[in-house]
Amino acid sequence: MALRSFFSSLTITICIDRARIAPSDFHLFFKLNESLVGKRSGSNEELVNAVTTWLNELAAEEYDTGILKLVDRYDKCLSAG
Protein backbone atom coordinates (compact mmCIF):
# COMPACT_ATOMS: atom_id res chain seq x y z
CA MET A 1 0.00 0.00 0.00
CA ALA A 2 2.89 2.38 0.55
CA LEU A 3 3.80 2.29 -3.14
CA ARG A 4 0.20 2.93 -4.13
CA SER A 5 0.03 6.03 -1.92
CA PHE A 6 3.47 7.14 -3.13
CA PHE A 7 2.43 6.96 -6.79
CA SER A 8 -0.91 8.59 -5.96
CA SER A 9 0.96 11.54 -4.46
CA LEU A 10 2.76 11.91 -7.80
CA THR A 11 -0.57 11.91 -9.62
CA ILE A 12 0.38 8.65 -11.33
CA THR A 13 -2.55 6.36 -11.89
CA ILE A 14 -1.94 2.72 -11.07
CA CYS A 15 -3.81 0.40 -13.39
CA ILE A 16 -4.75 -2.86 -11.78
CA ASP A 17 -5.89 -4.27 -15.11
CA ARG A 18 -2.80 -5.07 -17.22
CA ALA A 19 -4.87 -4.68 -20.39
CA ARG A 20 -5.18 -0.95 -19.62
CA ILE A 21 -1.41 -0.38 -19.59
CA ALA A 22 -0.07 1.00 -22.85
CA PRO A 23 2.44 -1.31 -24.56
CA SER A 24 4.88 1.59 -24.74
CA ASP A 25 4.98 1.68 -20.92
CA PHE A 26 6.10 -1.91 -20.44
CA HIS A 27 9.78 -1.11 -21.10
CA LEU A 28 9.89 0.80 -17.82
CA PHE A 29 8.93 -2.29 -15.83
CA PHE A 30 11.81 -4.27 -17.32
CA LYS A 31 14.30 -1.50 -16.55
CA LEU A 32 12.96 -1.13 -13.02
CA ASN A 33 13.15 -4.88 -12.52
CA GLU A 34 16.78 -4.90 -13.71
CA SER A 35 17.70 -2.21 -11.20
CA LEU A 36 16.05 -4.07 -8.31
CA VAL A 37 17.28 -7.60 -9.08
CA GLY A 38 19.24 -9.06 -6.19
CA LYS A 39 18.32 -6.27 -3.79
CA ARG A 40 16.22 -6.81 -0.70
CA SER A 41 14.34 -4.13 1.13
CA GLY A 42 13.48 -4.42 4.79
CA SER A 43 10.44 -2.19 4.51
CA ASN A 44 8.11 -0.55 2.03
CA GLU A 45 9.85 2.74 2.73
CA GLU A 46 13.18 1.32 1.53
CA LEU A 47 11.49 0.07 -1.62
CA VAL A 48 9.86 3.45 -2.23
CA ASN A 49 13.26 5.12 -1.80
CA ALA A 50 14.87 2.68 -4.25
CA VAL A 51 12.14 3.29 -6.85
CA THR A 52 12.33 7.06 -6.32
CA THR A 53 16.10 7.01 -6.81
CA TRP A 54 15.69 4.94 -9.96
CA LEU A 55 13.06 7.31 -11.37
CA ASN A 56 15.26 10.35 -10.65
CA GLU A 57 18.25 8.72 -12.35
CA LEU A 58 16.08 7.73 -15.30
CA ALA A 59 14.79 11.29 -15.65
CA ALA A 60 18.34 12.67 -15.72
CA GLU A 61 19.44 10.02 -18.22
CA GLU A 62 16.47 10.67 -20.51
CA TYR A 63 17.12 14.43 -20.32
CA ASP A 64 20.75 13.97 -21.37
CA THR A 65 19.72 11.69 -24.23
CA GLY A 66 17.11 14.21 -25.37
CA ILE A 67 19.60 17.09 -25.35
CA LEU A 68 22.08 15.07 -27.42
CA LYS A 69 19.35 14.25 -29.95
CA LEU A 70 18.37 17.91 -30.06
CA VAL A 71 21.92 18.91 -31.05
CA ASP A 72 21.86 16.40 -33.92
CA ARG A 73 18.47 17.69 -35.08
CA TYR A 74 19.67 21.30 -35.04
CA ASP A 75 22.74 20.31 -37.07
CA LYS A 76 20.53 18.59 -39.67
CA CYS A 77 18.23 21.60 -39.90
CA LEU A 78 21.08 24.07 -40.24
CA SER A 79 22.85 21.90 -42.81
CA ALA A 80 19.69 21.59 -44.91
CA GLY A 81 19.41 25.37 -44.97
PDB file of N, CA and C in Angstrom:
ATOM      1  N   MET A   1       0.806  -1.202   0.000  1.00  0.00           N
ATOM      2  CA  MET A   1       0.000   0.000   0.000  1.00  0.00           C
ATOM      3  C   MET A   1       0.848   1.265   0.000  1.00  0.00           C
ATOM      4  N   ALA A   2       2.048   1.195   0.517  1.00  0.00           N
ATOM      5  CA  ALA A   2       2.894   2.381   0.550  1.00  0.00           C
ATOM      6  C   ALA A   2       3.237   2.846  -0.859  1.00  0.00           C
ATOM      7  N   LEU A   3       3.510   1.903  -1.760  1.00  0.00           N
ATOM      8  CA  LEU A   3       3.801   2.289  -3.140  1.00  0.00           C
ATOM      9  C   LEU A   3       2.593   2.920  -3.803  1.00  0.00           C
ATOM     10  N   ARG A   4       1.422   2.373  -3.540  1.00  0.00           N
ATOM     11  CA  ARG A   4       0.202   2.929  -4.132  1.00  0.00           C
ATOM     12  C   ARG A   4       0.013   4.379  -3.687  1.00  0.00           C
ATOM     13  N   SER A   5       0.195   4.659  -2.405  1.00  0.00           N
ATOM     14  CA  SER A   5       0.026   6.032  -1.919  1.00  0.00           C
ATOM     15  C   SER A   5       1.147   6.927  -2.437  1.00  0.00           C
ATOM     16  N   PHE A   6       2.361   6.368  -2.580  1.00  0.00           N
ATOM     17  CA  PHE A   6       3.472   7.139  -3.131  1.00  0.00           C
ATOM     18  C   PHE A   6       3.166   7.569  -4.559  1.00  0.00           C
ATOM     19  N   PHE A   7       2.740   6.618  -5.411  1.00  0.00           N
ATOM     20  CA  PHE A   7       2.428   6.958  -6.790  1.00  0.00           C
ATOM     21  C   PHE A   7       1.202   7.868  -6.874  1.00  0.00           C
ATOM     22  N   SER A   8       0.257   7.709  -5.977  1.00  0.00           N
ATOM     23  CA  SER A   8      -0.911   8.592  -5.956  1.00  0.00           C
ATOM     24  C   SER A   8      -0.497  10.021  -5.654  1.00  0.00           C
ATOM     25  N   SER A   9       0.493  10.189  -4.790  1.00  0.00           N
ATOM     26  CA  SER A   9       0.958  11.537  -4.462  1.00  0.00           C
ATOM     27  C   SER A   9       1.636  12.192  -5.655  1.00  0.00           C
ATOM     28  N   LEU A  10       2.126  11.378  -6.597  1.00  0.00           N
ATOM     29  CA  LEU A  10       2.760  11.907  -7.802  1.00  0.00           C
ATOM     30  C   LEU A  10       1.760  12.073  -8.936  1.00  0.00           C
ATOM     31  N   THR A  11       0.515  11.885  -8.645  1.00  0.00           N
ATOM     32  CA  THR A  11      -0.574  11.914  -9.623  1.00  0.00           C
ATOM     33  C   THR A  11      -0.348  10.900 -10.743  1.00  0.00           C
ATOM     34  N   ILE A  12       0.220   9.757 -10.390  1.00  0.00           N
ATOM     35  CA  ILE A  12       0.380   8.655 -11.327  1.00  0.00           C
ATOM     36  C   ILE A  12      -0.725   7.657 -11.039  1.00  0.00           C
ATOM     37  N   THR A  13      -1.466   7.316 -12.059  1.00  0.00           N
ATOM     38  CA  THR A  13      -2.548   6.362 -11.886  1.00  0.00           C
ATOM     39  C   THR A  13      -1.998   4.948 -11.997  1.00  0.00           C
ATOM     40  N   ILE A  14      -2.350   4.118 -11.034  1.00  0.00           N
ATOM     41  CA  ILE A  14      -1.937   2.723 -11.068  1.00  0.00           C
ATOM     42  C   ILE A  14      -3.080   1.915 -11.653  1.00  0.00           C
ATOM     43  N   CYS A  15      -2.802   1.234 -12.745  1.00  0.00           N
ATOM     44  CA  CYS A  15      -3.811   0.403 -13.394  1.00  0.00           C
ATOM     45  C   CYS A  15      -3.692  -1.016 -12.863  1.00  0.00           C
ATOM     46  N   ILE A  16      -4.743  -1.488 -12.268  1.00  0.00           N
ATOM     47  CA  ILE A  16      -4.748  -2.858 -11.776  1.00  0.00           C
ATOM     48  C   ILE A  16      -4.884  -3.826 -12.947  1.00  0.00           C
ATOM     49  N   ASP A  17      -5.650  -3.441 -13.945  1.00  0.00           N
ATOM     50  CA  ASP A  17      -5.892  -4.271 -15.114  1.00  0.00           C
ATOM     51  C   ASP A  17      -4.737  -4.097 -16.100  1.00  0.00           C
ATOM     52  N   ARG A  18      -3.960  -5.159 -16.332  1.00  0.00           N
ATOM     53  CA  ARG A  18      -2.802  -5.075 -17.222  1.00  0.00           C
ATOM     54  C   ARG A  18      -3.196  -4.700 -18.643  1.00  0.00           C
ATOM     55  N   ALA A  19      -4.422  -5.005 -19.037  1.00  0.00           N
ATOM     56  CA  ALA A  19      -4.868  -4.684 -20.392  1.00  0.00           C
ATOM     57  C   ALA A  19      -4.963  -3.176 -20.598  1.00  0.00           C
ATOM     58  N   ARG A  20      -5.053  -2.406 -19.513  1.00  0.00           N
ATOM     59  CA  ARG A  20      -5.176  -0.955 -19.622  1.00  0.00           C
ATOM     60  C   ARG A  20      -3.822  -0.255 -19.692  1.00  0.00           C
ATOM     61  N   ILE A  21      -2.731  -0.984 -19.520  1.00  0.00           N
ATOM     62  CA  ILE A  21      -1.406  -0.380 -19.585  1.00  0.00           C
ATOM     63  C   ILE A  21      -0.977  -0.324 -21.044  1.00  0.00           C
ATOM     64  N   ALA A  22      -0.507   0.835 -21.472  1.00  0.00           N
ATOM     65  CA  ALA A  22      -0.073   0.996 -22.852  1.00  0.00           C
ATOM     66  C   ALA A  22       1.175   0.154 -23.106  1.00  0.00           C
ATOM     67  N   PRO A  23       1.249  -0.500 -24.258  1.00  0.00           N
ATOM     68  CA  PRO A  23       2.436  -1.314 -24.560  1.00  0.00           C
ATOM     69  C   PRO A  23       3.733  -0.517 -24.486  1.00  0.00           C
ATOM     70  N   SER A  24       3.675   0.771 -24.786  1.00  0.00           N
ATOM     71  CA  SER A  24       4.885   1.591 -24.737  1.00  0.00           C
ATOM     72  C   SER A  24       5.388   1.804 -23.315  1.00  0.00           C
ATOM     73  N   ASP A  25       4.570   1.510 -22.310  1.00  0.00           N
ATOM     74  CA  ASP A  25       4.981   1.683 -20.919  1.00  0.00           C
ATOM     75  C   ASP A  25       5.677   0.458 -20.341  1.00  0.00           C
ATOM     76  N   PHE A  26       5.561  -0.682 -21.000  1.00  0.00           N
ATOM     77  CA  PHE A  26       6.101  -1.914 -20.436  1.00  0.00           C
ATOM     78  C   PHE A  26       7.620  -1.890 -20.316  1.00  0.00           C
ATOM     79  N   HIS A  27       8.317  -1.135 -21.182  1.00  0.00           N
ATOM     80  CA  HIS A  27       9.779  -1.110 -21.104  1.00  0.00           C
ATOM     81  C   HIS A  27      10.267  -0.584 -19.758  1.00  0.00           C
ATOM     82  N   LEU A  28       9.498   0.270 -19.122  1.00  0.00           N
ATOM     83  CA  LEU A  28       9.894   0.798 -17.815  1.00  0.00           C
ATOM     84  C   LEU A  28       9.912  -0.285 -16.751  1.00  0.00           C
ATOM     85  N   PHE A  29       8.972  -1.219 -16.826  1.00  0.00           N
ATOM     86  CA  PHE A  29       8.932  -2.285 -15.829  1.00  0.00           C
ATOM     87  C   PHE A  29      10.167  -3.173 -15.930  1.00  0.00           C
ATOM     88  N   PHE A  30      10.620  -3.448 -17.150  1.00  0.00           N
ATOM     89  CA  PHE A  30      11.811  -4.270 -17.319  1.00  0.00           C
ATOM     90  C   PHE A  30      13.041  -3.556 -16.771  1.00  0.00           C
ATOM     91  N   LYS A  31      13.159  -2.261 -17.056  1.00  0.00           N
ATOM     92  CA  LYS A  31      14.304  -1.498 -16.548  1.00  0.00           C
ATOM     93  C   LYS A  31      14.272  -1.400 -15.027  1.00  0.00           C
ATOM     94  N   LEU A  32      13.091  -1.193 -14.478  1.00  0.00           N
ATOM     95  CA  LEU A  32      12.961  -1.131 -13.021  1.00  0.00           C
ATOM     96  C   LEU A  32      13.318  -2.473 -12.410  1.00  0.00           C
ATOM     97  N   ASN A  33      12.846  -3.543 -13.013  1.00  0.00           N
ATOM     98  CA  ASN A  33      13.152  -4.881 -12.517  1.00  0.00           C
ATOM     99  C   ASN A  33      14.660  -5.130 -12.533  1.00  0.00           C
ATOM    100  N   GLU A  34      15.336  -4.723 -13.617  1.00  0.00           N
ATOM    101  CA  GLU A  34      16.784  -4.900 -13.706  1.00  0.00           C
ATOM    102  C   GLU A  34      17.503  -4.160 -12.586  1.00  0.00           C
ATOM    103  N   SER A  35      17.027  -2.985 -12.239  1.00  0.00           N
ATOM    104  CA  SER A  35      17.700  -2.205 -11.197  1.00  0.00           C
ATOM    105  C   SER A  35      17.450  -2.762  -9.801  1.00  0.00           C
ATOM    106  N   LEU A  36      16.378  -3.533  -9.628  1.00  0.00           N
ATOM    107  CA  LEU A  36      16.046  -4.067  -8.306  1.00  0.00           C
ATOM    108  C   LEU A  36      16.448  -5.529  -8.116  1.00  0.00           C
ATOM    109  N   VAL A  37      16.914  -6.186  -9.179  1.00  0.00           N
ATOM    110  CA  VAL A  37      17.277  -7.602  -9.084  1.00  0.00           C
ATOM    111  C   VAL A  37      18.401  -7.783  -8.066  1.00  0.00           C
ATOM    112  N   GLY A  38      18.220  -8.739  -7.180  1.00  0.00           N
ATOM    113  CA  GLY A  38      19.240  -9.060  -6.193  1.00  0.00           C
ATOM    114  C   GLY A  38      19.239  -8.177  -4.964  1.00  0.00           C
ATOM    115  N   LYS A  39      18.390  -7.177  -4.942  1.00  0.00           N
ATOM    116  CA  LYS A  39      18.319  -6.275  -3.793  1.00  0.00           C
ATOM    117  C   LYS A  39      17.130  -6.660  -2.926  1.00  0.00           C
ATOM    118  N   ARG A  40      17.307  -6.541  -1.646  1.00  0.00           N
ATOM    119  CA  ARG A  40      16.217  -6.815  -0.704  1.00  0.00           C
ATOM    120  C   ARG A  40      15.951  -5.549   0.093  1.00  0.00           C
ATOM    121  N   SER A  41      14.693  -5.281   0.307  1.00  0.00           N
ATOM    122  CA  SER A  41      14.338  -4.126   1.130  1.00  0.00           C
ATOM    123  C   SER A  41      13.673  -4.632   2.399  1.00  0.00           C
ATOM    124  N   GLY A  42      14.025  -4.013   3.501  1.00  0.00           N
ATOM    125  CA  GLY A  42      13.478  -4.422   4.785  1.00  0.00           C
ATOM    126  C   GLY A  42      12.108  -3.849   5.057  1.00  0.00           C
ATOM    127  N   SER A  43      11.735  -2.832   4.286  1.00  0.00           N
ATOM    128  CA  SER A  43      10.438  -2.194   4.508  1.00  0.00           C
ATOM    129  C   SER A  43       9.932  -1.604   3.201  1.00  0.00           C
ATOM    130  N   ASN A  44       8.677  -1.223   3.200  1.00  0.00           N
ATOM    131  CA  ASN A  44       8.108  -0.554   2.027  1.00  0.00           C
ATOM    132  C   ASN A  44       8.794   0.779   1.784  1.00  0.00           C
ATOM    133  N   GLU A  45       9.186   1.439   2.860  1.00  0.00           N
ATOM    134  CA  GLU A  45       9.849   2.742   2.730  1.00  0.00           C
ATOM    135  C   GLU A  45      11.173   2.608   1.973  1.00  0.00           C
ATOM    136  N   GLU A  46      11.930   1.559   2.261  1.00  0.00           N
ATOM    137  CA  GLU A  46      13.179   1.324   1.534  1.00  0.00           C
ATOM    138  C   GLU A  46      12.905   1.069   0.054  1.00  0.00           C
ATOM    139  N   LEU A  47      11.853   0.336  -0.231  1.00  0.00           N
ATOM    140  CA  LEU A  47      11.487   0.065  -1.616  1.00  0.00           C
ATOM    141  C   LEU A  47      11.064   1.349  -2.323  1.00  0.00           C
ATOM    142  N   VAL A  48      10.280   2.165  -1.654  1.00  0.00           N
ATOM    143  CA  VAL A  48       9.859   3.447  -2.225  1.00  0.00           C
ATOM    144  C   VAL A  48      11.083   4.309  -2.506  1.00  0.00           C
ATOM    145  N   ASN A  49      12.040   4.336  -1.591  1.00  0.00           N
ATOM    146  CA  ASN A  49      13.260   5.118  -1.797  1.00  0.00           C
ATOM    147  C   ASN A  49      14.061   4.592  -2.982  1.00  0.00           C
ATOM    148  N   ALA A  50      14.142   3.271  -3.126  1.00  0.00           N
ATOM    149  CA  ALA A  50      14.869   2.682  -4.252  1.00  0.00           C
ATOM    150  C   ALA A  50      14.197   3.032  -5.580  1.00  0.00           C
ATOM    151  N   VAL A  51      12.875   2.956  -5.620  1.00  0.00           N
ATOM    152  CA  VAL A  51      12.141   3.289  -6.850  1.00  0.00           C
ATOM    153  C   VAL A  51      12.265   4.780  -7.151  1.00  0.00           C
ATOM    154  N   THR A  52      12.186   5.619  -6.129  1.00  0.00           N
ATOM    155  CA  THR A  52      12.331   7.064  -6.319  1.00  0.00           C
ATOM    156  C   THR A  52      13.706   7.398  -6.877  1.00  0.00           C
ATOM    157  N   THR A  53      14.739   6.794  -6.315  1.00  0.00           N
ATOM    158  CA  THR A  53      16.099   7.014  -6.810  1.00  0.00           C
ATOM    159  C   THR A  53      16.209   6.590  -8.263  1.00  0.00           C
ATOM    160  N   TRP A  54      15.645   5.426  -8.586  1.00  0.00           N
ATOM    161  CA  TRP A  54      15.694   4.935  -9.960  1.00  0.00           C
ATOM    162  C   TRP A  54      14.983   5.896 -10.909  1.00  0.00           C
ATOM    163  N   LEU A  55      13.807   6.381 -10.514  1.00  0.00           N
ATOM    164  CA  LEU A  55      13.059   7.313 -11.366  1.00  0.00           C
ATOM    165  C   LEU A  55      13.830   8.612 -11.571  1.00  0.00           C
ATOM    166  N   ASN A  56      14.474   9.118 -10.524  1.00  0.00           N
ATOM    167  CA  ASN A  56      15.262  10.345 -10.649  1.00  0.00           C
ATOM    168  C   ASN A  56      16.448  10.148 -11.585  1.00  0.00           C
ATOM    169  N   GLU A  57      17.127   9.008 -11.459  1.00  0.00           N
ATOM    170  CA  GLU A  57      18.249   8.718 -12.351  1.00  0.00           C
ATOM    171  C   GLU A  57      17.773   8.552 -13.785  1.00  0.00           C
ATOM    172  N   LEU A  58      16.637   7.913 -13.963  1.00  0.00           N
ATOM    173  CA  LEU A  58      16.078   7.727 -15.295  1.00  0.00           C
ATOM    174  C   LEU A  58      15.736   9.073 -15.922  1.00  0.00           C
ATOM    175  N   ALA A  59      15.156   9.967 -15.135  1.00  0.00           N
ATOM    176  CA  ALA A  59      14.788  11.286 -15.649  1.00  0.00           C
ATOM    177  C   ALA A  59      16.031  12.034 -16.117  1.00  0.00           C
ATOM    178  N   ALA A  60      17.107  11.989 -15.342  1.00  0.00           N
ATOM    179  CA  ALA A  60      18.344  12.672 -15.723  1.00  0.00           C
ATOM    180  C   ALA A  60      18.939  12.048 -16.979  1.00  0.00           C
ATOM    181  N   GLU A  61      18.906  10.732 -17.057  1.00  0.00           N
ATOM    182  CA  GLU A  61      19.441  10.019 -18.216  1.00  0.00           C
ATOM    183  C   GLU A  61      18.641  10.354 -19.473  1.00  0.00           C
ATOM    184  N   GLU A  62      17.325  10.353 -19.368  1.00  0.00           N
ATOM    185  CA  GLU A  62      16.474  10.674 -20.512  1.00  0.00           C
ATOM    186  C   GLU A  62      16.668  12.127 -20.947  1.00  0.00           C
ATOM    187  N   TYR A  63      16.874  13.024 -19.997  1.00  0.00           N
ATOM    188  CA  TYR A  63      17.116  14.428 -20.317  1.00  0.00           C
ATOM    189  C   TYR A  63      18.405  14.562 -21.120  1.00  0.00           C
ATOM    190  N   ASP A  64      19.475  13.912 -20.654  1.00  0.00           N
ATOM    191  CA  ASP A  64      20.753  13.968 -21.366  1.00  0.00           C
ATOM    192  C   ASP A  64      20.622  13.414 -22.777  1.00  0.00           C
ATOM    193  N   THR A  65      19.930  12.295 -22.914  1.00  0.00           N
ATOM    194  CA  THR A  65      19.725  11.691 -24.230  1.00  0.00           C
ATOM    195  C   THR A  65      18.945  12.637 -25.134  1.00  0.00           C
ATOM    196  N   GLY A  66      17.919  13.270 -24.589  1.00  0.00           N
ATOM    197  CA  GLY A  66      17.110  14.209 -25.366  1.00  0.00           C
ATOM    198  C   GLY A  66      17.905  15.411 -25.836  1.00  0.00           C
ATOM    199  N   ILE A  67      18.771  15.938 -24.974  1.00  0.00           N
ATOM    200  CA  ILE A  67      19.602  17.088 -25.352  1.00  0.00           C
ATOM    201  C   ILE A  67      20.563  16.695 -26.475  1.00  0.00           C
ATOM    202  N   LEU A  68      21.167  15.518 -26.372  1.00  0.00           N
ATOM    203  CA  LEU A  68      22.079  15.072 -27.424  1.00  0.00           C
ATOM    204  C   LEU A  68      21.345  14.904 -28.750  1.00  0.00           C
ATOM    205  N   LYS A  69      20.145  14.384 -28.724  1.00  0.00           N
ATOM    206  CA  LYS A  69      19.352  14.248 -29.949  1.00  0.00           C
ATOM    207  C   LYS A  69      18.987  15.620 -30.509  1.00  0.00           C
ATOM    208  N   LEU A  70      18.728  16.566 -29.624  1.00  0.00           N
ATOM    209  CA  LEU A  70      18.372  17.914 -30.055  1.00  0.00           C
ATOM    210  C   LEU A  70      19.521  18.560 -30.824  1.00  0.00           C
ATOM    211  N   VAL A  71      20.745  18.369 -30.359  1.00  0.00           N
ATOM    212  CA  VAL A  71      21.917  18.914 -31.048  1.00  0.00           C
ATOM    213  C   VAL A  71      22.010  18.335 -32.451  1.00  0.00           C
ATOM    214  N   ASP A  72      21.823  17.032 -32.588  1.00  0.00           N
ATOM    215  CA  ASP A  72      21.859  16.401 -33.915  1.00  0.00           C
ATOM    216  C   ASP A  72      20.762  16.956 -34.822  1.00  0.00           C
ATOM    217  N   ARG A  73      19.590  17.164 -34.278  1.00  0.00           N
ATOM    218  CA  ARG A  73      18.474  17.686 -35.082  1.00  0.00           C
ATOM    219  C   ARG A  73      18.745  19.118 -35.538  1.00  0.00           C
ATOM    220  N   TYR A  74      19.315  19.931 -34.652  1.00  0.00           N
ATOM    221  CA  TYR A  74      19.670  21.298 -35.040  1.00  0.00           C
ATOM    222  C   TYR A  74      20.716  21.283 -36.149  1.00  0.00           C
ATOM    223  N   ASP A  75      21.709  20.410 -36.035  1.00  0.00           N
ATOM    224  CA  ASP A  75      22.735  20.310 -37.071  1.00  0.00           C
ATOM    225  C   ASP A  75      22.119  19.945 -38.414  1.00  0.00           C
ATOM    226  N   LYS A  76      21.191  18.989 -38.420  1.00  0.00           N
ATOM    227  CA  LYS A  76      20.534  18.586 -39.667  1.00  0.00           C
ATOM    228  C   LYS A  76      19.738  19.738 -40.264  1.00  0.00           C
ATOM    229  N   CYS A  77      19.029  20.478 -39.412  1.00  0.00           N
ATOM    230  CA  CYS A  77      18.225  21.605 -39.901  1.00  0.00           C
ATOM    231  C   CYS A  77      19.110  22.703 -40.472  1.00  0.00           C
ATOM    232  N   LEU A  78      20.187  23.012 -39.777  1.00  0.00           N
ATOM    233  CA  LEU A  78      21.079  24.074 -40.243  1.00  0.00           C
ATOM    234  C   LEU A  78      21.828  23.662 -41.502  1.00  0.00           C
ATOM    235  N   SER A  79      22.155  22.390 -41.622  1.00  0.00           N
ATOM    236  CA  SER A  79      22.852  21.901 -42.814  1.00  0.00           C
ATOM    237  C   SER A  79      21.932  21.899 -44.030  1.00  0.00           C
ATOM    238  N   ALA A  80      20.656  21.636 -43.805  1.00  0.00           N
ATOM    239  CA  ALA A  80      19.692  21.589 -44.905  1.00  0.00           C
ATOM    240  C   ALA A  80      19.395  22.987 -45.431  1.00  0.00           C
ATOM    241  N   GLY A  81      19.597  23.984 -44.583  1.00  0.00           N
ATOM    242  CA  GLY A  81      19.407  25.367 -44.973  1.00  0.00           C
ATOM    243  C   GLY A  81      17.993  25.728 -45.038  1.00  0.00           C
TER     244      GLY A  81
END
